[in-house]
Protein backbone atom coordinates (compact mmCIF):
# COMPACT_ATOMS: atom_id res chain seq x y z
CA UNK A 1 -63.54 -16.03 129.45
CA UNK A 2 -66.98 -14.79 128.30
CA UNK A 3 -68.76 -16.09 126.13
CA UNK A 4 -70.08 -14.51 123.03
CA UNK A 5 -71.41 -15.38 119.55
CA UNK A 6 -74.67 -15.67 117.40
CA UNK A 7 -77.13 -18.38 116.53
CA UNK A 8 -79.40 -18.41 114.01
CA UNK A 9 -83.23 -18.37 114.47
CA UNK A 10 -86.41 -18.61 112.19
CA UNK A 11 -86.13 -15.20 110.05
CA UNK A 12 -83.41 -13.64 112.01
CA UNK A 13 -79.82 -13.74 114.31
CA UNK A 14 -79.47 -14.30 118.58
CA UNK A 15 -76.08 -11.93 119.45
CA UNK A 16 -75.46 -13.20 123.17
CA UNK A 17 -72.98 -12.30 125.94
CA UNK A 18 -72.43 -14.29 129.24
CA UNK A 19 -70.39 -12.39 131.40
CA UNK A 20 -69.09 -12.51 134.72
CA UNK A 21 -69.08 -16.11 135.39
CA UNK A 22 -68.70 -17.23 138.47
CA UNK A 23 -68.61 -20.93 140.14
CA UNK A 24 -70.42 -20.02 143.68
CA UNK A 25 -70.47 -23.85 145.25
CA UNK A 26 -68.90 -27.20 144.52
CA UNK A 27 -70.07 -30.11 146.00
CA UNK A 28 -68.05 -33.28 146.25
CA UNK A 29 -70.36 -35.60 148.55
CA UNK A 30 -68.59 -38.92 147.12
CA UNK A 31 -65.18 -39.11 145.97
CA UNK A 32 -62.34 -41.41 145.77
CA UNK A 33 -59.02 -42.30 144.68
CA UNK A 34 -57.49 -45.27 143.99
CA UNK A 35 -53.75 -47.33 142.73
CA UNK A 36 -53.90 -48.95 139.84
CA UNK A 37 -51.11 -51.39 139.96
CA UNK A 38 -48.17 -50.43 137.56
CA UNK A 39 -50.07 -47.85 135.23
CA UNK A 40 -51.79 -45.11 137.00
CA UNK A 41 -54.13 -43.62 139.24
CA UNK A 42 -58.47 -43.65 138.86
CA UNK A 43 -60.30 -41.28 140.46
CA UNK A 44 -64.64 -41.67 140.79
CA UNK A 45 -66.55 -38.77 141.33
CA UNK A 46 -70.17 -39.59 142.28
CA UNK A 47 -73.46 -37.15 142.96
CA UNK A 48 -70.94 -34.36 142.18
CA UNK A 49 -72.47 -30.90 141.85
CA UNK A 50 -71.84 -26.95 140.94
CA UNK A 51 -73.63 -23.87 140.82
CA UNK A 52 -72.94 -21.15 138.48
CA UNK A 53 -74.18 -17.33 138.49
CA UNK A 54 -73.66 -15.05 135.48
CA UNK A 55 -74.65 -11.78 133.59
CA UNK A 56 -76.47 -12.10 130.62
CA UNK A 57 -77.68 -10.09 127.73
CA UNK A 58 -78.94 -11.06 124.24
CA UNK A 59 -80.49 -8.60 121.44
CA UNK A 60 -82.58 -9.58 117.77
CA UNK A 61 -83.96 -6.93 115.54
CA UNK A 62 -87.44 -6.71 117.71
CA UNK A 63 -85.75 -7.29 121.30
CA UNK A 64 -83.08 -6.50 123.99
CA UNK A 65 -82.78 -8.04 127.16
CA UNK A 66 -80.45 -8.79 129.88
CA UNK A 67 -79.70 -9.71 133.84
CA UNK A 68 -78.71 -12.03 136.10
CA UNK A 69 -78.74 -15.83 135.94
CA UNK A 70 -77.62 -18.79 138.05
CA UNK A 71 -77.27 -22.59 136.57
CA UNK A 72 -77.38 -25.17 139.11
CA UNK A 73 -76.00 -28.72 137.60
CA UNK A 74 -76.74 -31.92 139.78
CA UNK A 75 -76.18 -35.59 139.80
CA UNK A 76 -72.75 -35.27 137.94
CA UNK A 77 -70.46 -38.79 138.21
CA UNK A 78 -66.68 -38.22 136.71
CA UNK A 79 -64.70 -41.37 136.06
CA UNK A 80 -61.04 -40.51 135.22
CA UNK A 81 -58.07 -42.36 134.73
CA UNK A 82 -54.47 -41.14 134.80
CA UNK A 83 -51.50 -42.61 133.69
CA UNK A 84 -48.04 -42.05 135.63
CA UNK A 85 -45.40 -43.64 133.73
CA UNK A 86 -42.08 -44.74 135.77
CA UNK A 87 -38.89 -43.76 133.58
CA UNK A 88 -35.62 -45.30 135.22
CA UNK A 89 -33.96 -42.31 133.15
CA UNK A 90 -36.11 -39.25 133.61
CA UNK A 91 -35.62 -37.95 137.59
CA UNK A 92 -39.27 -36.17 137.03
CA UNK A 93 -42.60 -37.45 137.38
CA UNK A 94 -45.17 -37.04 134.69
CA UNK A 95 -48.66 -37.75 134.53
CA UNK A 96 -51.29 -37.57 131.23
CA UNK A 97 -55.15 -38.28 131.37
CA UNK A 98 -55.65 -41.86 129.64
CA UNK A 99 -59.64 -41.54 129.74
CA UNK A 100 -62.70 -39.53 131.06
CA UNK A 101 -66.22 -40.02 131.17
CA UNK A 102 -68.58 -37.46 132.13
CA UNK A 103 -72.17 -37.73 133.33
CA UNK A 104 -74.90 -35.05 134.61
CA UNK A 105 -78.02 -35.48 135.12
CA UNK A 106 -80.51 -32.34 135.86
CA UNK A 107 -79.41 -28.87 135.01
CA UNK A 108 -81.60 -25.87 136.39
CA UNK A 109 -81.10 -22.97 134.40
CA UNK A 110 -82.82 -19.35 136.35
CA UNK A 111 -82.46 -16.31 134.11
CA UNK A 112 -83.74 -12.87 136.15
CA UNK A 113 -84.28 -9.73 133.06
CA UNK A 114 -86.27 -7.09 132.06
CA UNK A 115 -87.39 -6.66 128.77
């Protein structure tokens, strides 16, 4: 979905819109799944990266600008624990997220536009 909003800076408001957001690359060089006996599943993703392309525009009382942008997020680490309760009375299985920890190392933002 598009991201639209406004922020107050100093003496004025900045209105922004980020649209046409597309994930163009995902790299998962290190990923593993392991079973946690009697409780669930552990997912570990290490050193992942993600690239997103988008359109952007901003508007203030004295400036209007728009263009294309790219965001590259790297050194992403995720550890997630999923519980898989087993119910003898329920014929279907379920899964729920018990915990999740995510960190990212670098974010590179490039905006191309005109003033």
